[in-house]
Amino acid sequence: MDIAYFIGIDVGTQGARVVLLDEKGHIAGSQQTGFELTADSRQEQDPAVWWRAVLSGLTEIIKESKLKKIDLKSIKGVSVTSTSGTVIALDSEHRPIHPALMYSDDRSEKAGRLCKEISTRYLPHGYHGFNSSSGLSKMVWFVQTFPEKTPRLAYFAHATDFIIGQLSGKWNLTDETNVLKSGYDLQSGCWPHYLTHHLPLKASWLPEVVPAGTPIGVLDEGVALQIGLAPELAASITVTAGMTDGCASQVASGAVQPGTWNTTIGTTLVIKGVTKAPIDDPLDRLYNHRHPEGYWMPGGASNTGADWITTLFAGDQLEILERAAARLIPSGRLTYPLLKKGERFPFKALEATGFGLESFLNGQKEEPALLYAAGMEGVAYVEKMAFQLIHKLSNETIDRVYTAGGGSNSPTWLRIRSAVLQLPVIKMENASGAVGAAMLAASKTYYRSLSEAVSKMARVASEYIPDPALVPAYEQGYLKFIRTLAEKGYIHEEDYLI
């Protein structure tokens, strides 16, 4: 019996990853191609570099598939993911008229404040959390900064859209997840009036929007030839609309049904879930992406995560620390491992600073394993605060948490989190953005929906249930944690208690 395969592409800041996933979620091939970075790469990058990296990855995947005797006619779809905050100004021939403006470029901070002010005034029910990393802020900043280039500007594209255009020849098209922070009104399904009447944008510069995963064309024959495929096979590979990297990781984690949530612990802590209605957060801590099946994908990102590990324990043997920390939980210490000033989720406090790691910050490493354990517990308390807030705002039941990111590789951390949250925590085999893009590619080309694709392709690696020996101590630890934050003036304690 023939097995169907799907390609997922993830364009990141430092490189492009391409995976080949079969219909049951097994990885049949994976390639990572790095970009040549410069000192300015966090502000601007050349999209042609991304495309060469993607072509290189696809070429290697096809080579590998031939060696494995995979029937290339069985490759049915391809999709792409990247961050929505990176945008490119393109001319009518789909060529960049300026390097891509990266999400991490903070030159658009002032434009972000303007976007927030205008959107709040003219679209009260819409998204208002614009800042320097938002796509809309980049567009406004570009038009304000380079007016001499606007006569050649045909439209703006996100990084995902640019790669999809190269793959399919279908341009000026994007998806419902990438456009949230570019100002699109997801509730009304249109680009709102304020963009073209109160910000310096033209309607013609804004792309057509379709649900993520929508088939939009087939692989270009010239691209097929470049990557080693017979041109006649191109027509059998459907290119689908893409998705943001955060949403794609959520898809790969398995959290695509109402009531399911995913926590990704990487540099930061990102929580995203699925609800039947958008969550209205008057303080803009949460935002709502659109689910391809009509649900909503609310989420938020904390400035905590695993950044403190790579910074404070650089050079240490983490496996040894992990084993030692496992014997020390519950630690009895209270730590909020926020290294930089300011928090954005689950509470907003520009003045917030971390606590509990002072000895490390002062260069004293007398109890590394204990502080390592306490840091993991602190992030788990932040995660619990987020879910308490989500429940209060949405009244929706959270019955399990899926997890992804480098932080999910720590069994001790998974055990801590399950006990703190008092929920099952489920780790998947493959929860990367590229895998999520491959599932998205399958969702409307082979399966009937994203939910069906994920049910067939997402594979559980391990599940942690709350350890009754830890739960009582962590209940007390959580209360002390939020009380400390309240005493510092960062939160109202009652907002994070059910």
Protein backbone atom coordinates (compact mmCIF):
# COMPACT_ATOMS: atom_id res chain seq x y z
CA MET A 1 0.00 0.00 0.00
CA ASP A 2 1.40 3.39 -1.02
CA ILE A 3 2.22 5.85 1.77
CA ALA A 4 1.68 9.57 1.25
CA TYR A 5 4.37 12.12 2.17
CA PHE A 6 4.28 15.83 2.94
CA ILE A 7 6.98 18.50 3.06
CA GLY A 8 7.20 21.16 5.78
CA ILE A 9 9.52 24.18 5.53
CA ASP A 10 10.44 26.44 8.45
CA VAL A 11 12.35 29.64 7.69
CA GLY A 12 13.93 30.88 10.91
CA THR A 13 16.31 33.69 11.78
CA GLN A 14 19.45 31.61 11.41
CA GLY A 15 18.49 28.99 8.85
CA ALA A 16 15.84 26.99 7.03
CA ARG A 17 14.67 23.51 8.01
CA VAL A 18 12.94 21.12 5.62
CA VAL A 19 11.26 17.88 6.75
CA LEU A 20 9.56 15.07 4.89
CA LEU A 21 6.77 13.52 6.98
CA ASP A 22 4.72 10.48 6.10
CA GLU A 23 0.96 10.21 6.54
CA LYS A 24 1.40 8.63 10.00
CA GLY A 25 3.79 11.30 11.28
CA HIS A 26 7.10 9.48 10.87
CA ILE A 27 9.98 11.71 9.77
CA ALA A 28 11.34 10.31 6.51
CA GLY A 29 13.90 13.07 5.96
CA SER A 30 15.17 16.26 7.58
CA GLN A 31 17.61 18.92 6.42
CA GLN A 32 18.85 22.10 8.09
CA THR A 33 20.64 24.82 6.11
CA GLY A 34 22.15 27.77 7.96
CA PHE A 35 22.27 31.35 6.70
CA GLU A 36 25.47 33.36 6.49
CA LEU A 37 24.74 35.94 9.15
CA THR A 38 26.18 39.42 9.56
CA ALA A 39 26.07 42.00 12.33
CA ASP A 40 22.94 43.44 10.70
CA SER A 41 21.08 40.14 10.32
CA ARG A 42 18.77 40.86 13.24
CA GLN A 43 17.56 43.97 11.37
CA GLU A 44 17.59 42.99 7.72
CA GLN A 45 18.17 39.84 5.65
CA ASP A 46 18.21 39.04 1.95
CA PRO A 47 15.17 36.83 1.06
CA ALA A 48 17.23 35.35 -1.79
CA VAL A 49 19.43 33.75 0.89
CA TRP A 50 16.37 32.11 2.44
CA TRP A 51 15.25 30.77 -0.93
CA ARG A 52 18.69 29.30 -1.73
CA ALA A 53 18.67 27.60 1.67
CA VAL A 54 15.18 26.19 1.05
CA LEU A 55 16.21 24.92 -2.41
CA SER A 56 19.29 23.31 -0.89
CA GLY A 57 17.21 21.59 1.78
CA LEU A 58 14.61 20.38 -0.71
CA THR A 59 17.34 19.07 -3.03
CA GLU A 60 18.89 17.04 -0.21
CA ILE A 61 15.48 15.73 0.85
CA ILE A 62 14.80 14.49 -2.68
CA LYS A 63 18.27 12.90 -2.90
CA GLU A 64 17.72 11.18 0.44
CA SER A 65 14.27 9.99 -0.65
CA LYS A 66 15.69 8.43 -3.81
CA LEU A 67 18.30 6.57 -1.75
CA LYS A 68 15.55 5.30 0.54
CA LYS A 69 13.52 4.15 -2.48
CA ILE A 70 10.63 6.44 -1.54
CA ASP A 71 8.21 6.76 -4.44
CA LEU A 72 8.45 10.48 -5.29
CA LYS A 73 4.95 10.34 -6.77
CA SER A 74 3.78 9.84 -3.17
CA ILE A 75 4.79 13.39 -2.15
CA LYS A 76 1.41 15.12 -2.04
CA GLY A 77 1.85 18.51 -0.48
CA VAL A 78 4.15 21.22 0.86
CA SER A 79 3.64 24.18 3.18
CA VAL A 80 5.74 26.81 4.93
CA THR A 81 6.04 28.48 8.31
CA SER A 82 8.00 31.47 9.59
CA THR A 83 7.51 34.38 11.95
CA SER A 84 4.80 36.85 10.99
CA GLY A 85 6.85 39.81 12.17
CA THR A 86 9.28 39.69 9.25
CA VAL A 87 7.96 41.49 6.15
CA ILE A 88 9.25 42.21 2.65
CA ALA A 89 8.33 45.01 0.25
CA LEU A 90 7.97 43.54 -3.26
CA ASP A 91 7.57 45.10 -6.70
CA SER A 92 5.11 44.00 -9.38
CA GLU A 93 7.57 41.31 -10.54
CA HIS A 94 7.69 39.92 -6.98
CA ARG A 95 11.25 41.16 -6.41
CA PRO A 96 12.28 42.72 -3.09
CA ILE A 97 12.80 46.46 -3.36
CA HIS A 98 14.53 46.41 0.05
CA PRO A 99 15.95 43.65 2.27
CA ALA A 100 13.45 41.86 4.50
CA LEU A 101 12.71 43.76 7.73
CA MET A 102 13.26 41.23 10.50
CA TYR A 103 10.87 40.81 13.43
CA SER A 104 13.78 41.54 15.78
CA ASP A 105 14.48 44.95 14.20
CA ASP A 106 13.48 47.54 16.81
CA ARG A 107 13.77 50.57 14.51
CA SER A 108 9.98 50.43 14.09
CA GLU A 109 9.27 50.99 17.80
CA LYS A 110 7.77 54.46 17.26
CA ALA A 111 5.67 53.16 14.36
CA GLY A 112 4.45 50.37 16.66
CA ARG A 113 3.20 52.92 19.21
CA LEU A 114 1.37 54.75 16.43
CA CYS A 115 -0.24 51.50 15.21
CA LYS A 116 -1.35 50.66 18.75
CA GLU A 117 -2.87 54.12 19.29
CA ILE A 118 -4.71 54.20 15.95
CA SER A 119 -5.99 50.62 16.14
CA THR A 120 -7.28 51.12 19.68
CA ARG A 121 -9.16 54.23 18.59
CA TYR A 122 -10.65 52.96 15.34
CA LEU A 123 -11.05 49.19 15.83
CA PRO A 124 -11.93 48.60 19.51
CA HIS A 125 -12.74 44.90 19.02
CA GLY A 126 -9.53 44.19 17.07
CA TYR A 127 -5.91 43.43 17.89
CA HIS A 128 -4.01 46.31 19.52
CA GLY A 129 -0.79 44.76 20.78
CA PHE A 130 1.41 46.29 18.08
CA ASN A 131 5.07 46.88 18.87
CA SER A 132 8.38 46.95 17.04
CA SER A 133 8.18 43.23 16.22
CA SER A 134 4.76 43.44 14.51
CA GLY A 135 4.36 43.22 10.74
CA LEU A 136 2.15 46.32 10.61
CA SER A 137 4.77 48.40 12.42
CA LYS A 138 7.38 47.30 9.85
CA MET A 139 5.11 48.29 6.94
CA VAL A 140 4.39 51.74 8.39
CA TRP A 141 8.06 52.30 9.27
CA PHE A 142 9.16 51.31 5.76
CA VAL A 143 6.75 53.73 4.07
CA GLN A 144 7.72 56.55 6.46
CA THR A 145 11.46 55.89 6.13
CA PHE A 146 11.82 55.15 2.42
CA PRO A 147 9.18 57.28 0.62
CA GLU A 148 11.39 57.25 -2.48
CA LYS A 149 10.86 53.49 -2.79
CA THR A 150 7.08 53.45 -2.51
CA PRO A 151 6.44 54.13 -6.25
CA ARG A 152 7.92 50.66 -6.91
CA LEU A 153 6.06 49.00 -4.02
CA ALA A 154 3.40 46.57 -5.31
CA TYR A 155 2.59 44.76 -2.03
CA PHE A 156 3.97 43.51 1.27
CA ALA A 157 4.65 39.84 1.93
CA HIS A 158 5.48 37.89 5.07
CA ALA A 159 8.46 35.54 4.98
CA THR A 160 6.08 32.57 4.63
CA ASP A 161 4.31 34.16 1.66
CA PHE A 162 7.60 34.86 -0.12
CA ILE A 163 8.70 31.22 -0.01
CA ILE A 164 5.22 29.99 -1.02
CA GLY A 165 5.31 32.40 -3.96
CA GLN A 166 8.64 30.97 -5.06
CA LEU A 167 7.34 27.40 -4.74
CA SER A 168 4.04 27.90 -6.55
CA GLY A 169 4.21 31.10 -8.59
CA LYS A 170 1.15 32.29 -6.61
CA TRP A 171 1.87 35.72 -5.17
CA ASN A 172 0.14 38.45 -3.19
CA LEU A 173 -1.59 35.84 -1.04
CA THR A 174 -1.26 35.11 2.68
CA ASP A 175 -3.01 33.22 5.49
CA GLU A 176 -5.14 34.13 8.49
CA THR A 177 -2.42 33.51 11.08
CA ASN A 178 0.32 35.64 9.53
CA VAL A 179 -1.97 38.66 9.17
CA LEU A 180 -3.04 39.12 12.81
CA LYS A 181 -0.09 41.37 13.66
CA SER A 182 -0.23 43.00 10.23
CA GLY A 183 -3.54 44.58 11.20
CA TYR A 184 -6.10 42.26 9.54
CA ASP A 185 -9.49 42.15 11.29
CA LEU A 186 -10.02 38.42 11.83
CA GLN A 187 -13.49 38.84 13.27
CA SER A 188 -14.80 40.75 10.26
CA GLY A 189 -12.58 38.99 7.72
CA CYS A 190 -11.19 42.13 6.09
CA TRP A 191 -8.41 44.69 6.17
CA PRO A 192 -9.86 47.45 8.38
CA HIS A 193 -10.50 50.99 7.24
CA TYR A 194 -7.99 52.59 9.64
CA LEU A 195 -5.01 51.06 7.83
CA THR A 196 -5.57 53.12 4.71
CA HIS A 197 -7.25 56.19 6.22
CA HIS A 198 -5.27 56.80 9.40
CA LEU A 199 -1.97 55.03 8.61
CA PRO A 200 0.13 55.62 5.47
CA LEU A 201 -0.81 52.38 3.67
CA LYS A 202 -2.62 51.65 0.41
CA ALA A 203 -5.19 48.87 0.00
CA SER A 204 -3.28 47.51 -3.00
CA TRP A 205 -0.24 46.84 -0.79
CA LEU A 206 -2.20 44.36 1.38
CA PRO A 207 -2.44 40.73 0.20
CA GLU A 208 -5.48 38.50 -0.21
CA VAL A 209 -6.10 36.40 2.91
CA VAL A 210 -7.16 32.72 3.05
CA PRO A 211 -7.37 30.18 5.91
CA ALA A 212 -4.09 28.47 6.78
CA GLY A 213 -3.63 25.22 4.86
CA THR A 214 -5.82 26.24 1.90
CA PRO A 215 -4.53 24.67 -1.34
CA ILE A 216 -3.37 27.56 -3.52
CA GLY A 217 -1.53 25.88 -6.39
CA VAL A 218 0.98 23.21 -7.31
CA LEU A 219 4.74 23.09 -7.29
CA ASP A 220 6.32 25.13 -10.06
CA GLU A 221 7.88 22.88 -12.73
CA GLY A 222 11.08 24.93 -12.75
CA VAL A 223 11.44 24.47 -8.99
CA ALA A 224 10.82 20.73 -9.38
CA LEU A 225 13.65 20.55 -11.91
CA GLN A 226 16.02 22.49 -9.62
CA ILE A 227 15.49 20.13 -6.67
CA GLY A 228 15.84 16.92 -8.67
CA LEU A 229 12.21 16.04 -9.31
CA ALA A 230 10.88 15.16 -12.73
CA PRO A 231 8.87 18.20 -13.91
CA GLU A 232 5.82 16.04 -14.56
CA LEU A 233 5.65 15.26 -10.82
CA ALA A 234 5.21 18.94 -9.93
CA ALA A 235 1.48 18.91 -10.67
CA SER A 236 0.90 16.20 -8.06
CA ILE A 237 2.44 18.27 -5.23
CA THR A 238 -0.05 20.81 -3.84
CA VAL A 239 1.28 23.98 -2.26
CA THR A 240 -0.91 25.18 0.61
CA ALA A 241 -1.17 28.48 2.46
CA GLY A 242 1.20 28.60 5.42
CA MET A 243 1.07 29.54 9.08
CA THR A 244 3.11 31.44 11.70
CA ASP A 245 5.89 29.50 13.40
CA GLY A 246 4.17 29.65 16.77
CA CYS A 247 0.93 28.25 15.34
CA ALA A 248 2.82 25.57 13.38
CA SER A 249 4.58 24.41 16.56
CA GLN A 250 1.20 24.28 18.26
CA VAL A 251 -0.15 22.10 15.44
CA ALA A 252 2.85 19.77 15.71
CA SER A 253 2.30 19.50 19.47
CA GLY A 254 -1.18 18.08 18.89
CA ALA A 255 -3.12 20.95 20.50
CA VAL A 256 -5.67 21.64 17.75
CA GLN A 257 -8.98 20.76 19.43
CA PRO A 258 -10.99 23.11 21.69
CA GLY A 259 -9.79 22.76 25.28
CA THR A 260 -6.27 21.70 24.37
CA TRP A 261 -3.25 23.90 25.02
CA ASN A 262 0.42 23.87 24.20
CA THR A 263 3.33 25.40 26.08
CA THR A 264 6.54 25.89 24.16
CA ILE A 265 9.57 26.57 26.35
CA GLY A 266 12.40 27.91 24.25
CA THR A 267 14.15 31.20 24.85
CA THR A 268 10.74 32.42 26.01
CA LEU A 269 7.62 30.66 27.26
CA VAL A 270 4.80 30.67 24.70
CA ILE A 271 1.34 29.36 25.52
CA LYS A 272 -1.25 28.78 22.81
CA GLY A 273 -4.50 26.87 22.77
CA VAL A 274 -7.79 26.37 20.99
CA THR A 275 -11.09 27.91 22.07
CA LYS A 276 -14.53 28.16 20.49
CA ALA A 277 -14.59 31.94 20.89
CA PRO A 278 -11.80 34.53 20.94
CA ILE A 279 -10.57 35.51 24.40
CA ASP A 280 -11.18 39.18 25.06
CA ASP A 281 -8.30 40.44 27.19
CA PRO A 282 -8.70 44.15 28.02
CA LEU A 283 -4.98 44.38 28.85
CA ASP A 284 -3.80 42.80 25.55
CA ARG A 285 -1.80 40.09 27.31
CA LEU A 286 -3.43 37.49 25.06
CA TYR A 287 -4.06 37.64 21.31
CA ASN A 288 -6.17 35.39 19.09
CA HIS A 289 -5.04 33.71 15.89
CA ARG A 290 -7.67 32.13 13.63
CA HIS A 291 -7.89 28.32 13.49
CA PRO A 292 -8.43 26.89 9.96
CA GLU A 293 -11.60 25.14 11.20
CA GLY A 294 -13.15 28.35 12.50
CA TYR A 295 -12.02 28.02 16.12
CA TRP A 296 -9.63 30.48 17.73
CA MET A 297 -6.02 30.01 18.76
CA PRO A 298 -5.41 32.41 21.68
CA GLY A 299 -1.94 32.74 23.08
CA GLY A 300 0.63 34.84 24.82
CA ALA A 301 4.38 34.92 25.39
CA SER A 302 6.29 35.46 28.63
CA ASN A 303 9.79 36.90 28.77
CA THR A 304 10.74 33.94 30.94
CA GLY A 305 11.42 30.52 29.44
CA ALA A 306 14.75 28.71 29.24
CA ASP A 307 16.87 31.78 28.51
CA TRP A 308 18.12 31.78 32.12
CA ILE A 309 19.55 28.28 31.66
CA THR A 310 21.61 29.10 28.58
CA THR A 311 22.79 32.34 30.21
CA LEU A 312 23.50 31.32 33.81
CA PHE A 313 24.54 27.71 33.23
CA ALA A 314 26.51 28.17 30.00
CA GLY A 315 29.29 25.61 29.88
CA ASP A 316 27.81 23.50 32.65
CA GLN A 317 26.87 19.87 32.05
CA LEU A 318 23.11 20.12 32.07
CA GLU A 319 22.60 16.35 32.25
CA ILE A 320 24.41 16.29 35.61
CA LEU A 321 22.46 19.30 36.87
CA GLU A 322 19.22 17.67 35.70
CA ARG A 323 19.92 14.48 37.65
CA ALA A 324 20.93 16.41 40.76
CA ALA A 325 17.91 18.72 40.54
CA ALA A 326 15.57 15.72 40.25
CA ARG A 327 16.62 14.70 43.75
CA LEU A 328 16.02 18.19 45.19
CA ILE A 329 12.43 18.90 44.18
CA PRO A 330 10.44 20.49 45.66
CA SER A 331 13.28 22.93 46.24
CA GLY A 332 11.60 25.09 48.88
CA ARG A 333 13.05 28.15 47.16
CA LEU A 334 11.16 30.88 45.36
CA THR A 335 12.64 31.98 42.05
CA TYR A 336 11.36 34.08 39.17
CA PRO A 337 14.09 33.61 36.52
CA LEU A 338 13.47 36.80 34.55
CA LEU A 339 16.86 38.06 33.42
CA LYS A 340 15.80 41.24 31.62
CA LYS A 341 13.60 43.97 33.03
CA GLY A 342 9.92 43.80 32.06
CA GLU A 343 7.22 41.15 31.64
CA ARG A 344 4.43 40.92 29.05
CA PHE A 345 2.53 37.71 29.88
CA PRO A 346 0.74 36.48 31.98
CA PHE A 347 0.98 39.96 33.45
CA LYS A 348 2.21 43.23 32.04
CA ALA A 349 4.79 45.07 34.13
CA LEU A 350 7.52 47.07 32.44
CA GLU A 351 9.29 47.44 35.80
CA ALA A 352 9.24 43.72 36.68
CA THR A 353 12.56 42.13 37.63
CA GLY A 354 13.40 38.54 38.49
CA PHE A 355 14.22 37.27 41.96
CA GLY A 356 15.80 34.24 43.58
CA LEU A 357 18.87 34.03 41.37
CA GLU A 358 20.78 36.88 42.99
CA SER A 359 23.62 34.63 44.11
CA PHE A 360 24.22 33.56 40.53
CA LEU A 361 24.03 37.08 39.23
CA ASN A 362 26.66 37.98 41.85
CA GLY A 363 28.91 35.20 40.60
CA GLN A 364 28.29 32.78 43.48
CA LYS A 365 27.51 29.27 42.25
CA GLU A 366 27.53 27.45 45.57
CA GLU A 367 24.24 25.58 44.99
CA PRO A 368 23.77 25.23 41.25
CA ALA A 369 21.50 22.17 41.28
CA LEU A 370 19.17 23.69 43.88
CA LEU A 371 18.90 26.94 41.98
CA TYR A 372 18.46 25.01 38.74
CA ALA A 373 15.50 23.19 40.29
CA ALA A 374 14.08 26.43 41.71
CA GLY A 375 14.35 28.12 38.30
CA MET A 376 12.35 25.34 36.67
CA GLU A 377 9.73 25.64 39.42
CA GLY A 378 9.54 29.41 38.88
CA VAL A 379 8.79 29.00 35.18
CA ALA A 380 6.15 26.40 36.07
CA TYR A 381 4.50 28.91 38.41
CA VAL A 382 4.43 31.46 35.57
CA GLU A 383 2.83 28.80 33.35
CA LYS A 384 0.19 28.14 36.03
CA MET A 385 -0.54 31.87 36.29
CA ALA A 386 -1.12 31.92 32.54
CA PHE A 387 -3.62 29.08 32.66
CA GLN A 388 -5.41 30.59 35.66
CA LEU A 389 -5.75 33.85 33.72
CA ILE A 390 -6.95 32.05 30.59
CA HIS A 391 -9.61 30.19 32.55
CA LYS A 392 -10.81 33.40 34.22
CA LEU A 393 -11.07 35.25 30.90
CA SER A 394 -12.56 32.43 28.81
CA ASN A 395 -14.33 30.20 31.38
CA GLU A 396 -13.11 27.29 29.24
CA THR A 397 -11.88 24.08 30.87
CA ILE A 398 -8.23 23.14 30.38
CA ASP A 399 -7.87 19.39 30.74
CA ARG A 400 -4.34 18.72 29.49
CA VAL A 401 -1.27 20.57 28.26
CA TYR A 402 0.89 19.58 25.31
CA THR A 403 4.45 20.80 25.26
CA ALA A 404 7.26 21.60 22.84
CA GLY A 405 10.58 23.45 22.72
CA GLY A 406 13.97 22.69 24.24
CA GLY A 407 12.58 22.98 27.77
CA SER A 408 10.32 19.99 27.13
CA ASN A 409 13.37 17.73 26.86
CA SER A 410 13.87 17.84 30.64
CA PRO A 411 12.00 14.98 32.39
CA THR A 412 12.42 16.75 35.72
CA TRP A 413 10.87 19.93 34.37
CA LEU A 414 7.94 17.96 32.90
CA ARG A 415 7.38 16.31 36.28
CA ILE A 416 7.49 19.69 38.05
CA ARG A 417 5.13 21.30 35.56
CA SER A 418 2.54 18.52 35.78
CA ALA A 419 2.52 18.75 39.57
CA VAL A 420 2.33 22.57 39.60
CA LEU A 421 -0.41 22.69 36.96
CA GLN A 422 -2.18 19.60 38.34
CA LEU A 423 -2.75 18.56 34.75
CA PRO A 424 -1.34 15.87 32.45
CA VAL A 425 1.59 17.24 30.43
CA ILE A 426 2.13 15.50 27.10
CA LYS A 427 5.34 15.63 25.10
CA MET A 428 5.21 14.76 21.41
CA GLU A 429 7.88 13.01 19.34
CA ASN A 430 8.21 15.81 16.81
CA ALA A 431 6.89 19.22 17.77
CA SER A 432 8.87 21.53 15.50
CA GLY A 433 7.52 24.25 13.23
CA ALA A 434 8.60 22.35 10.12
CA VAL A 435 6.66 19.27 11.25
CA GLY A 436 3.62 21.46 11.90
CA ALA A 437 3.93 22.87 8.37
CA ALA A 438 4.01 19.32 6.95
CA MET A 439 0.84 18.46 8.91
CA LEU A 440 -0.74 21.64 7.57
CA ALA A 441 0.21 20.57 4.03
CA ALA A 442 -1.65 17.27 4.62
CA SER A 443 -4.71 18.84 6.25
CA LYS A 444 -6.65 19.69 3.08
CA THR A 445 -4.81 17.65 0.46
CA TYR A 446 -4.95 14.16 1.97
CA TYR A 447 -7.01 14.45 5.15
CA ARG A 448 -10.32 16.27 5.51
CA SER A 449 -9.25 18.75 8.16
CA LEU A 450 -6.38 19.88 10.35
CA SER A 451 -7.88 17.99 13.29
CA GLU A 452 -7.92 14.75 11.31
CA ALA A 453 -4.38 15.27 10.01
CA VAL A 454 -3.03 15.92 13.52
CA SER A 455 -4.94 12.96 14.96
CA LYS A 456 -3.20 10.71 12.43
CA MET A 457 0.24 12.34 12.38
CA ALA A 458 1.04 13.70 15.88
CA ARG A 459 2.84 11.02 17.90
CA VAL A 460 3.02 11.03 21.71
CA ALA A 461 6.50 10.49 23.15
CA SER A 462 5.65 10.63 26.86
CA GLU A 463 2.94 11.74 29.27
CA TYR A 464 3.43 13.06 32.80
CA ILE A 465 0.60 13.03 35.31
CA PRO A 466 0.63 15.04 38.57
CA ASP A 467 2.82 13.40 41.21
CA PRO A 468 0.79 13.40 44.47
CA ALA A 469 4.04 13.59 46.44
CA LEU A 470 4.80 16.99 44.90
CA VAL A 471 1.38 18.61 44.53
CA PRO A 472 0.88 19.92 48.14
CA ALA A 473 4.30 21.62 48.23
CA TYR A 474 3.71 23.24 44.85
CA GLU A 475 0.26 24.47 45.87
CA GLN A 476 1.94 26.35 48.71
CA GLY A 477 4.81 27.45 46.46
CA TYR A 478 2.40 28.90 43.92
CA LEU A 479 0.56 30.92 46.56
CA LYS A 480 3.87 32.33 47.85
CA PHE A 481 4.96 33.09 44.27
CA ILE A 482 1.93 35.17 43.33
CA ARG A 483 1.88 36.82 46.77
CA THR A 484 5.47 37.95 46.20
CA LEU A 485 4.59 39.35 42.77
CA ALA A 486 1.60 41.15 44.32
CA GLU A 487 3.76 42.64 47.08
CA LYS A 488 6.10 43.99 44.43
CA GLY A 489 3.12 45.66 42.75
CA TYR A 490 3.27 43.64 39.54
CA ILE A 491 -0.13 41.88 39.84
CA HIS A 492 -3.40 41.71 41.72
CA GLU A 493 -3.20 38.38 43.54
CA GLU A 494 -6.89 37.56 43.00
CA ASP A 495 -6.46 37.66 39.20
CA TYR A 496 -4.41 34.45 39.34
CA LEU A 497 -6.45 32.42 41.82
CA ILE A 498 -9.45 30.27 40.89
